C-alpha atoms as a PDB file:
ATOM      1  CA  MET A   1      84.126  66.572  91.610  1.00  0.00           C
ATOM      2  CA  ASN A   2      83.930  66.780  95.666  1.00  0.00           C
ATOM      3  CA  SER A   3      87.600  65.943  95.774  1.00  0.00           C
ATOM      4  CA  SER A   4      88.266  69.006  93.462  1.00  0.00           C
ATOM      5  CA  VAL A   5      86.090  71.366  95.365  1.00  0.00           C
ATOM      6  CA  ARG A   6      87.630  70.324  98.513  1.00  0.00           C
ATOM      7  CA  LEU A   7      91.332  70.987  96.962  1.00  0.00           C
ATOM      8  CA  ILE A   8      90.261  74.408  95.735  1.00  0.00           C
ATOM      9  CA  LEU A   9      88.673  75.524  99.098  1.00  0.00           C
ATOM     10  CA  ASP A  10      91.499  74.071 101.252  1.00  0.00           C
ATOM     11  CA  GLU A  11      94.492  75.781  99.024  1.00  0.00           C
ATOM     12  CA  LEU A  12      92.365  79.171  99.272  1.00  0.00           C
ATOM     13  CA  SER A  13      91.908  78.970 102.806  1.00  0.00           C
ATOM     14  CA  ALA A  14      95.440  78.061 103.599  1.00  0.00           C
ATOM     15  CA  THR A  15      96.917  80.712 101.413  1.00  0.00           C
ATOM     16  CA  LEU A  16      94.411  83.678 102.059  1.00  0.00           C
ATOM     17  CA  ALA A  17      95.263  83.316 105.755  1.00  0.00           C
ATOM     18  CA  LEU A  18      98.828  84.379 105.089  1.00  0.00           C
ATOM     19  CA  ILE A  19      98.089  87.410 103.657  1.00  0.00           C
ATOM     20  CA  ASP A  20      99.918  90.379 105.402  1.00  0.00           C
ATOM     21  CA  GLU A  21      96.790  92.465 106.950  1.00  0.00           C
ATOM     22  CA  ARG A  22      98.831  95.628 107.004  1.00  0.00           C
ATOM     23  CA  GLN A  23      99.752  95.251 103.254  1.00  0.00           C
ATOM     24  CA  LEU A  24      95.944  94.550 102.758  1.00  0.00           C
ATOM     25  CA  ASP A  25      94.762  97.869 104.714  1.00  0.00           C
ATOM     26  CA  PHE A  26      97.334  99.977 103.137  1.00  0.00           C
ATOM     27  CA  LEU A  27      96.005  99.183  99.600  1.00  0.00           C
ATOM     28  CA  CYS A  28      92.440  99.781 100.826  1.00  0.00           C
ATOM     29  CA  GLY A  29      93.574 103.194 102.028  1.00  0.00           C
ATOM     30  CA  GLU A  30      95.209 103.816  98.803  1.00  0.00           C
ATOM     31  CA  LEU A  31      92.026 103.109  96.876  1.00  0.00           C
ATOM     32  CA  LEU A  32      90.357 105.973  99.318  1.00  0.00           C
ATOM     33  CA  VAL A  33      92.612 108.936  98.292  1.00  0.00           C
ATOM     34  CA  PRO A  34      90.206 111.649  97.318  1.00  0.00           C
ATOM     35  CA  ARG A  35      90.174 112.559  93.710  1.00  0.00           C
ATOM     36  CA  ARG A  36      92.322 109.778  92.566  1.00  0.00           C
ATOM     37  CA  ARG A  37      91.980 107.540  89.554  1.00  0.00           C
ATOM     38  CA  VAL A  38      92.932 104.043  90.077  1.00  0.00           C
ATOM     39  CA  PHE A  39      93.724 101.681  87.239  1.00  0.00           C
ATOM     40  CA  VAL A  40      94.208  98.029  87.210  1.00  0.00           C
ATOM     41  CA  MET A  41      96.242  96.060  84.692  1.00  0.00           C
ATOM     42  CA  GLY A  42      96.637  92.408  84.117  1.00  0.00           C
ATOM     43  CA  VAL A  43      96.798  89.781  81.345  1.00  0.00           C
ATOM     44  CA  GLY A  44      94.687  86.755  80.573  1.00  0.00           C
ATOM     45  CA  ARG A  45      92.616  85.379  83.696  1.00  0.00           C
ATOM     46  CA  VAL A  46      94.480  87.679  85.885  1.00  0.00           C
ATOM     47  CA  LEU A  47      92.736  90.726  84.027  1.00  0.00           C
ATOM     48  CA  ILE A  48      89.128  88.716  84.120  1.00  0.00           C
ATOM     49  CA  SER A  49      89.624  88.656  87.967  1.00  0.00           C
ATOM     50  CA  LEU A  50      90.635  92.556  88.149  1.00  0.00           C
ATOM     51  CA  LYS A  51      87.462  93.327  86.002  1.00  0.00           C
ATOM     52  CA  ALA A  52      85.460  92.059  88.914  1.00  0.00           C
ATOM     53  CA  TRP A  53      87.382  94.452  91.135  1.00  0.00           C
ATOM     54  CA  VAL A  54      86.566  97.545  88.817  1.00  0.00           C
ATOM     55  CA  LYS A  55      82.820  96.705  88.947  1.00  0.00           C
ATOM     56  CA  ARG A  56      82.657  96.472  92.424  1.00  0.00           C
ATOM     57  CA  MET A  57      84.747  99.242  93.272  1.00  0.00           C
ATOM     58  CA  ARG A  58      82.614 101.381  91.160  1.00  0.00           C
ATOM     59  CA  HIS A  59      79.740 100.679  93.348  1.00  0.00           C
ATOM     60  CA  LEU A  60      81.919 101.950  96.140  1.00  0.00           C
ATOM     61  CA  GLY A  61      82.315 105.321  94.492  1.00  0.00           C
ATOM     62  CA  ILE A  62      85.917 104.698  93.505  1.00  0.00           C
ATOM     63  CA  ASP A  63      87.168 106.132  90.122  1.00  0.00           C
ATOM     64  CA  ILE A  64      88.712 102.982  88.758  1.00  0.00           C
ATOM     65  CA  ASN A  65      88.953 101.266  85.285  1.00  0.00           C
ATOM     66  CA  TYR A  66      91.181  98.666  83.809  1.00  0.00           C
ATOM     67  CA  VAL A  67      94.129  99.446  81.268  1.00  0.00           C
ATOM     68  CA  GLY A  68      92.856  99.130  77.750  1.00  0.00           C
ATOM     69  CA  ASP A  69      89.148  99.649  78.261  1.00  0.00           C
ATOM     70  CA  GLU A  70      87.776 101.782  75.688  1.00  0.00           C
ATOM     71  CA  THR A  71      86.625 104.496  78.172  1.00  0.00           C
ATOM     72  CA  GLU A  72      90.152 104.571  80.128  1.00  0.00           C
ATOM     73  CA  LEU A  73      90.796 108.054  81.159  1.00  0.00           C
ATOM     74  CA  PRO A  74      94.372 109.252  81.338  1.00  0.00           C
ATOM     75  CA  MET A  75      96.593 108.585  84.219  1.00  0.00           C
ATOM     76  CA  ARG A  76      97.732 111.824  86.247  1.00  0.00           C
ATOM     77  CA  GLU A  77     100.314 112.076  88.734  1.00  0.00           C
ATOM     78  CA  ASP A  78      99.713 110.600  91.582  1.00  0.00           C
ATOM     79  CA  ASP A  79      97.000 108.456  90.233  1.00  0.00           C
ATOM     80  CA  LEU A  80      97.353 104.622  91.336  1.00  0.00           C
ATOM     81  CA  LEU A  81      97.905 101.610  88.796  1.00  0.00           C
ATOM     82  CA  ILE A  82      97.534  98.171  90.611  1.00  0.00           C
ATOM     83  CA  VAL A  83      99.293  95.373  88.711  1.00  0.00           C
ATOM     84  CA  GLY A  84      98.243  91.878  89.163  1.00  0.00           C
ATOM     85  CA  SER A  85     100.834  89.272  88.076  1.00  0.00           C
ATOM     86  CA  SER A  86     101.610  86.151  89.806  1.00  0.00           C
ATOM     87  CA  SER A  87     105.077  86.098  88.533  1.00  0.00           C
ATOM     88  CA  GLY A  88     105.691  89.877  88.346  1.00  0.00           C
ATOM     89  CA  GLU A  89     107.500  89.371  84.902  1.00  0.00           C
ATOM     90  CA  SER A  90     104.874  89.418  82.509  1.00  0.00           C
ATOM     91  CA  THR A  91     105.853  91.708  79.572  1.00  0.00           C
ATOM     92  CA  LEU A  92     102.820  93.926  79.192  1.00  0.00           C
ATOM     93  CA  PRO A  93     102.176  94.533  83.000  1.00  0.00           C
ATOM     94  CA  VAL A  94     105.952  95.498  83.343  1.00  0.00           C
ATOM     95  CA  ALA A  95     105.788  97.938  80.544  1.00  0.00           C
ATOM     96  CA  ILE A  96     102.612  99.389  81.721  1.00  0.00           C
ATOM     97  CA  ALA A  97     103.911  99.733  85.225  1.00  0.00           C
ATOM     98  CA  GLN A  98     107.169 101.469  83.683  1.00  0.00           C
ATOM     99  CA  ILE A  99     104.908 103.798  81.798  1.00  0.00           C
ATOM    100  CA  ALA A 100     102.659 104.612  85.054  1.00  0.00           C
ATOM    101  CA  LYS A 101     106.051 105.525  86.940  1.00  0.00           C
ATOM    102  CA  ARG A 102     107.103 107.671  84.109  1.00  0.00           C
ATOM    103  CA  LEU A 103     103.737 109.729  84.340  1.00  0.00           C
ATOM    104  CA  GLY A 104     104.291 110.248  87.820  1.00  0.00           C
ATOM    105  CA  GLY A 105     101.630 107.643  89.000  1.00  0.00           C
ATOM    106  CA  GLU A 106     102.177 105.189  91.836  1.00  0.00           C
ATOM    107  CA  VAL A 107     102.228 101.595  91.294  1.00  0.00           C
ATOM    108  CA  PHE A 108     101.038  98.738  93.825  1.00  0.00           C
ATOM    109  CA  TYR A 109     101.929  95.151  92.883  1.00  0.00           C
ATOM    110  CA  VAL A 110      99.557  92.267  93.994  1.00  0.00           C
ATOM    111  CA  GLY A 111     101.149  89.019  93.079  1.00  0.00           C
ATOM    112  CA  CYS A 112     103.274  85.942  94.440  1.00  0.00           C
ATOM    113  CA  THR A 113     106.983  87.189  93.799  1.00  0.00           C
ATOM    114  CA  SER A 114     108.327  90.057  96.088  1.00  0.00           C
ATOM    115  CA  GLU A 115     111.742  90.452  94.080  1.00  0.00           C
ATOM    116  CA  SER A 116     109.929  90.348  90.458  1.00  0.00           C
ATOM    117  CA  THR A 117     110.591  93.486  88.090  1.00  0.00           C
ATOM    118  CA  ILE A 118     107.077  94.729  88.949  1.00  0.00           C
ATOM    119  CA  ALA A 119     107.665  94.563  92.716  1.00  0.00           C
ATOM    120  CA  LYS A 120     110.979  96.348  92.160  1.00  0.00           C
ATOM    121  CA  LEU A 121     109.112  99.066  90.435  1.00  0.00           C
ATOM    122  CA  SER A 122     106.192  99.433  92.681  1.00  0.00           C
ATOM    123  CA  ASP A 123     105.717 101.624  95.556  1.00  0.00           C
ATOM    124  CA  ALA A 124     104.032  98.995  97.821  1.00  0.00           C
ATOM    125  CA  GLN A 125     103.005  95.575  97.283  1.00  0.00           C
ATOM    126  CA  LEU A 126     100.384  92.865  98.405  1.00  0.00           C
ATOM    127  CA  ILE A 127     102.188  89.445  98.343  1.00  0.00           C
ATOM    128  CA  VAL A 128     100.045  86.434  98.326  1.00  0.00           C
ATOM    129  CA  ARG A 129     101.206  82.870  98.537  1.00  0.00           C
ATOM    130  CA  GLY A 130     100.431  81.279  95.220  1.00  0.00           C
ATOM    131  CA  ARG A 131     102.086  79.591  92.403  1.00  0.00           C
ATOM    132  CA  THR A 132     103.194  81.110  89.051  1.00  0.00           C
ATOM    133  CA  LYS A 133     103.418  79.666  85.741  1.00  0.00           C
ATOM    134  CA  TYR A 134     106.897  78.931  86.403  1.00  0.00           C
ATOM    135  CA  ALA A 135     106.465  76.818  89.515  1.00  0.00           C
ATOM    136  CA  HIS A 136     109.459  77.356  91.177  1.00  0.00           C
ATOM    137  CA  PRO A 137     110.276  75.276  94.238  1.00  0.00           C
ATOM    138  CA  ASP A 138     109.736  78.240  96.644  1.00  0.00           C
ATOM    139  CA  GLU A 139     106.402  78.766  95.705  1.00  0.00           C
ATOM    140  CA  TYR A 140     103.113  77.176  97.253  1.00  0.00           C
ATOM    141  CA  PRO A 141     102.771  73.916  96.032  1.00  0.00           C
ATOM    142  CA  SER A 142      99.123  74.370  94.567  1.00  0.00           C
ATOM    143  CA  ARG A 143      98.057  71.236  92.771  1.00  0.00           C
ATOM    144  CA  GLN A 144      95.842  73.486  90.494  1.00  0.00           C
ATOM    145  CA  PRO A 145      97.681  74.162  86.925  1.00  0.00           C
ATOM    146  CA  MET A 146      99.719  77.223  86.555  1.00  0.00           C
ATOM    147  CA  SER A 147      98.701  80.229  88.284  1.00  0.00           C
ATOM    148  CA  THR A 148      95.090  79.384  88.627  1.00  0.00           C
ATOM    149  CA  LEU A 149      95.352  79.670  92.569  1.00  0.00           C
ATOM    150  CA  PHE A 150      96.432  83.267  92.246  1.00  0.00           C
ATOM    151  CA  GLU A 151      93.621  84.110  89.920  1.00  0.00           C
ATOM    152  CA  GLN A 152      91.487  82.870  92.374  1.00  0.00           C
ATOM    153  CA  GLN A 153      92.888  84.603  95.374  1.00  0.00           C
ATOM    154  CA  LEU A 154      92.906  87.804  93.138  1.00  0.00           C
ATOM    155  CA  TYR A 155      89.197  87.528  92.551  1.00  0.00           C
ATOM    156  CA  LEU A 156      88.051  86.997  96.063  1.00  0.00           C
ATOM    157  CA  LEU A 157      90.658  89.569  97.380  1.00  0.00           C
ATOM    158  CA  GLY A 158      88.364  92.184  95.392  1.00  0.00           C
ATOM    159  CA  ASP A 159      85.510  91.212  97.499  1.00  0.00           C
ATOM    160  CA  VAL A 160      87.518  91.258 100.689  1.00  0.00           C
ATOM    161  CA  ILE A 161      88.623  94.677  99.914  1.00  0.00           C
ATOM    162  CA  ALA A 162      85.254  95.803  98.959  1.00  0.00           C
ATOM    163  CA  LEU A 163      84.048  94.664 102.513  1.00  0.00           C
ATOM    164  CA  GLU A 164      86.970  96.652 104.136  1.00  0.00           C
ATOM    165  CA  VAL A 165      86.368  99.744 102.386  1.00  0.00           C
ATOM    166  CA  MET A 166      82.453  99.332 103.069  1.00  0.00           C
ATOM    167  CA  LYS A 167      83.528  99.063 106.702  1.00  0.00           C
ATOM    168  CA  TYR A 168      85.925 102.000 106.778  1.00  0.00           C
ATOM    169  CA  ARG A 169      82.768 103.990 105.259  1.00  0.00           C
ATOM    170  CA  GLY A 170      80.336 102.617 107.603  1.00  0.00           C
ATOM    171  CA  TRP A 171      78.253 101.510 104.591  1.00  0.00           C
ATOM    172  CA  SER A 172      75.736  98.789 104.128  1.00  0.00           C
ATOM    173  CA  GLU A 173      74.876  96.953 100.947  1.00  0.00           C
ATOM    174  CA  ASP A 174      71.723  99.570 100.972  1.00  0.00           C
ATOM    175  CA  ASP A 175      74.710 102.393 100.606  1.00  0.00           C
ATOM    176  CA  ILE A 176      75.797 100.856  97.373  1.00  0.00           C
ATOM    177  CA  ARG A 177      72.825  99.679  95.678  1.00  0.00           C
ATOM    178  CA  GLY A 178      71.965 102.902  94.051  1.00  0.00           C
ATOM    179  CA  GLN A 179      75.546 102.458  92.100  1.00  0.00           C
ATOM    180  CA  HIS A 180      74.610  99.014  90.643  1.00  0.00           C
ATOM    181  CA  ALA A 181      73.690  98.452  87.059  1.00  0.00           C
ATOM    182  CA  ASN A 182      70.031  98.854  86.527  1.00  0.00           C
ATOM    183  CA  LEU A 183      69.777  98.065  82.633  1.00  0.00           C
ATOM    184  CA  GLU A 184      69.630  94.086  83.459  1.00  0.00           C
END
């Protein structure tokens, strides 16, 4: 077990250090646009990671939901869709990004492939070094299966973004405690 833990932590440490801070800062700023709805889109384990973003960003007062949620509100012009996809080629995320663009929304791509279909549709992107399900030779040589490293990075990025938003607003944990679920 220890060797697997070390492998995961080493890969995360190596790849998260390569994130372009300007891209990350830009995304944080996009999340703080007043009166903007934010939607996240992903499939499979990517969506599971993005659901953690939704929960934490709600604690920070951001109007955010995931595409397909039963309580999802309509996208309006200038709202933001964040699409998580390591390859940027998954069928449903591509289709949802196209719909968002038609509705006048902005698309922000978070993934590993800067020349993908979703990346080309997007207004901005945050590129992470990871491995897609295609395992192209130029991708990070993760020893974890398929896009596992990307899914882990995505989950942790939600927490990084939350901390950055809290710093920007000058908030502490006490400031967000009142937004936490209490029917537990």
